[in-house]
Protein backbone atom coordinates (compact mmCIF):
# COMPACT_ATOMS: atom_id res chain seq x y z
CA UNK A 1 22.13 5.01 -11.47
CA UNK A 2 19.42 2.41 -12.05
CA UNK A 3 17.58 2.09 -15.32
CA UNK A 4 13.96 3.31 -15.03
CA UNK A 5 12.54 -0.24 -15.20
CA UNK A 6 14.88 -1.48 -12.48
CA UNK A 7 14.13 1.58 -10.38
CA UNK A 8 10.39 1.02 -10.59
CA UNK A 9 10.73 -2.70 -9.85
CA UNK A 10 12.87 -1.92 -6.78
CA UNK A 11 10.37 0.68 -5.61
CA UNK A 12 7.51 -1.82 -5.88
CA UNK A 13 9.51 -4.32 -3.82
CA UNK A 14 10.37 -1.68 -1.23
CA UNK A 15 6.70 -0.75 -0.90
CA UNK A 16 5.66 -4.36 -0.32
CA UNK A 17 8.51 -4.94 2.14
CA UNK A 18 7.90 -1.66 3.96
CA UNK A 19 4.14 -1.86 4.49
CA UNK A 20 4.48 -1.83 8.29
CA UNK A 21 7.22 0.76 8.20
CA UNK A 22 7.12 4.39 7.18
CA UNK A 23 7.55 3.81 3.45
CA UNK A 24 6.46 6.82 1.40
CA UNK A 25 7.46 8.75 -1.71
CA UNK A 26 9.89 10.91 0.24
CA UNK A 27 11.82 8.01 1.80
CA UNK A 28 11.89 6.14 -1.52
CA UNK A 29 13.13 9.19 -3.42
CA UNK A 30 15.86 9.70 -0.85
CA UNK A 31 16.88 6.04 -1.00
CA UNK A 32 17.27 6.13 -4.78
CA UNK A 33 18.73 9.65 -4.94
CA UNK A 34 16.03 11.11 -7.15
CA UNK A 35 13.65 13.98 -6.56
CA UNK A 36 10.31 13.17 -5.01
CA UNK A 37 8.63 15.02 -7.87
CA UNK A 38 10.40 12.85 -10.43
CA UNK A 39 9.46 9.69 -8.53
CA UNK A 40 5.80 10.72 -8.38
CA UNK A 41 5.72 11.49 -12.13
CA UNK A 42 7.52 8.25 -13.02
CA UNK A 43 5.13 6.16 -10.93
CA UNK A 44 2.08 7.96 -12.35
CA UNK A 45 3.38 7.44 -15.89
CA UNK A 46 4.10 3.74 -15.32
CA UNK A 47 0.89 2.80 -13.49
CA UNK A 48 -1.58 5.65 -14.03
CA UNK A 49 -2.07 6.10 -10.30
CA UNK A 50 -0.36 8.05 -7.57
CA UNK A 51 2.35 6.42 -5.50
CA UNK A 52 0.72 7.69 -2.29
CA UNK A 53 -2.62 6.15 -3.25
CA UNK A 54 -0.95 2.87 -4.13
CA UNK A 55 0.96 2.72 -0.84
CA UNK A 56 -2.22 3.50 1.11
CA UNK A 57 -4.13 0.81 -0.81
CA UNK A 58 -1.46 -1.84 -0.16
CA UNK A 59 -1.22 -0.82 3.50
CA UNK A 60 -5.00 -1.15 3.92
CA UNK A 61 -5.01 -4.55 2.19
CA UNK A 62 -2.26 -5.72 4.54
CA UNK A 63 -4.39 -4.82 7.57
CA UNK A 64 -7.09 -7.31 6.57
CA UNK A 65 -5.31 -10.33 8.04
CA UNK A 66 -4.86 -8.66 11.42
CA UNK A 67 -8.41 -7.38 11.33
CA UNK A 68 -10.03 -10.73 10.51
CA UNK A 69 -7.62 -13.23 12.07
CA UNK A 70 -6.76 -11.57 15.40
CA UNK A 71 -8.49 -9.89 18.31
CA UNK A 72 -6.26 -6.80 18.10
CA UNK A 73 -8.25 -3.64 18.56
CA UNK A 74 -8.63 -1.35 15.59
CA UNK A 75 -6.43 1.36 17.08
CA UNK A 76 -3.53 -1.08 17.48
CA UNK A 77 -3.92 -2.25 13.88
CA UNK A 78 -4.04 1.33 12.63
CA UNK A 79 -0.87 2.25 14.52
CA UNK A 80 0.92 -0.95 13.44
CA UNK A 81 0.44 -0.05 9.78
CA UNK A 82 1.48 3.58 10.03
CA UNK A 83 -1.81 5.38 10.49
CA UNK A 84 -1.45 8.16 13.07
CA UNK A 85 -5.03 8.02 14.28
CA UNK A 86 -7.73 5.38 14.47
CA UNK A 87 -10.21 7.65 12.69
CA UNK A 88 -7.77 8.24 9.82
CA UNK A 89 -7.50 4.47 9.37
CA UNK A 90 -11.27 3.97 9.57
CA UNK A 91 -11.95 6.71 7.01
CA UNK A 92 -9.30 5.41 4.58
CA UNK A 93 -10.56 1.84 5.06
CA UNK A 94 -14.14 2.89 4.35
CA UNK A 95 -13.11 4.78 1.19
CA UNK A 96 -11.12 1.77 -0.02
CA UNK A 97 -13.53 -1.05 0.83
CA UNK A 98 -16.89 0.73 1.36
CA UNK A 99 -17.24 -0.74 4.83
CA UNK A 100 -15.73 0.17 8.18
CA UNK A 101 -13.15 -2.16 9.75
CA UNK A 102 -15.49 -2.89 12.66
CA UNK A 103 -18.38 -3.82 10.38
CA UNK A 104 -16.10 -5.98 8.24
CA UNK A 105 -14.90 -7.79 11.33
CA UNK A 106 -18.52 -8.50 12.35
CA UNK A 107 -19.81 -9.47 8.91
CA UNK A 108 -16.78 -11.09 7.25
CA UNK A 109 -18.00 -9.61 4.00
CA UNK A 110 -15.79 -10.23 0.98
CA UNK A 111 -13.88 -7.14 -0.09
CA UNK A 112 -11.96 -6.54 -3.29
CA UNK A 113 -8.32 -5.67 -2.83
CA UNK A 114 -5.88 -4.32 -5.36
CA UNK A 115 -3.10 -6.84 -5.92
CA UNK A 116 0.52 -5.74 -5.88
CA UNK A 117 1.58 -4.04 -9.09
CA UNK A 118 4.07 -5.70 -11.38
CA UNK A 119 5.99 -3.86 -14.04
CA UNK A 120 5.62 -6.63 -16.61
CA UNK A 121 3.17 -9.47 -16.74
CA UNK A 122 4.93 -12.79 -16.40
CA UNK A 123 4.39 -15.13 -19.32
CA UNK A 124 3.12 -18.64 -18.69
CA UNK A 125 6.13 -20.89 -18.95
CA UNK A 126 5.61 -24.45 -20.04
């Protein structure tokens, strides 16, 4: 069994690597042979936010490149990143960035994204 710090670090890596796949608390709990409830509590304790909210936030941030750098339609982007419906993606996007994906694409407004979490801050090495 992994130590809690190693477990959390592995979970953060799995989230970043599984953005386009169906990564969620259930699949992560199964992978690491712990209960989903325990995983949710551990994540909340470590980062003071829900694992589902963090995954959604990272998934939405990952869609920005496709949205701004390609001509893919919004439905295709939504489906590519695991949203079941275009409207679900649009609503989540608007809650996260306070602008719809279509309006962002037209305006190229700067949006603030949450960077990937790290368990420990790396010290500046000289």
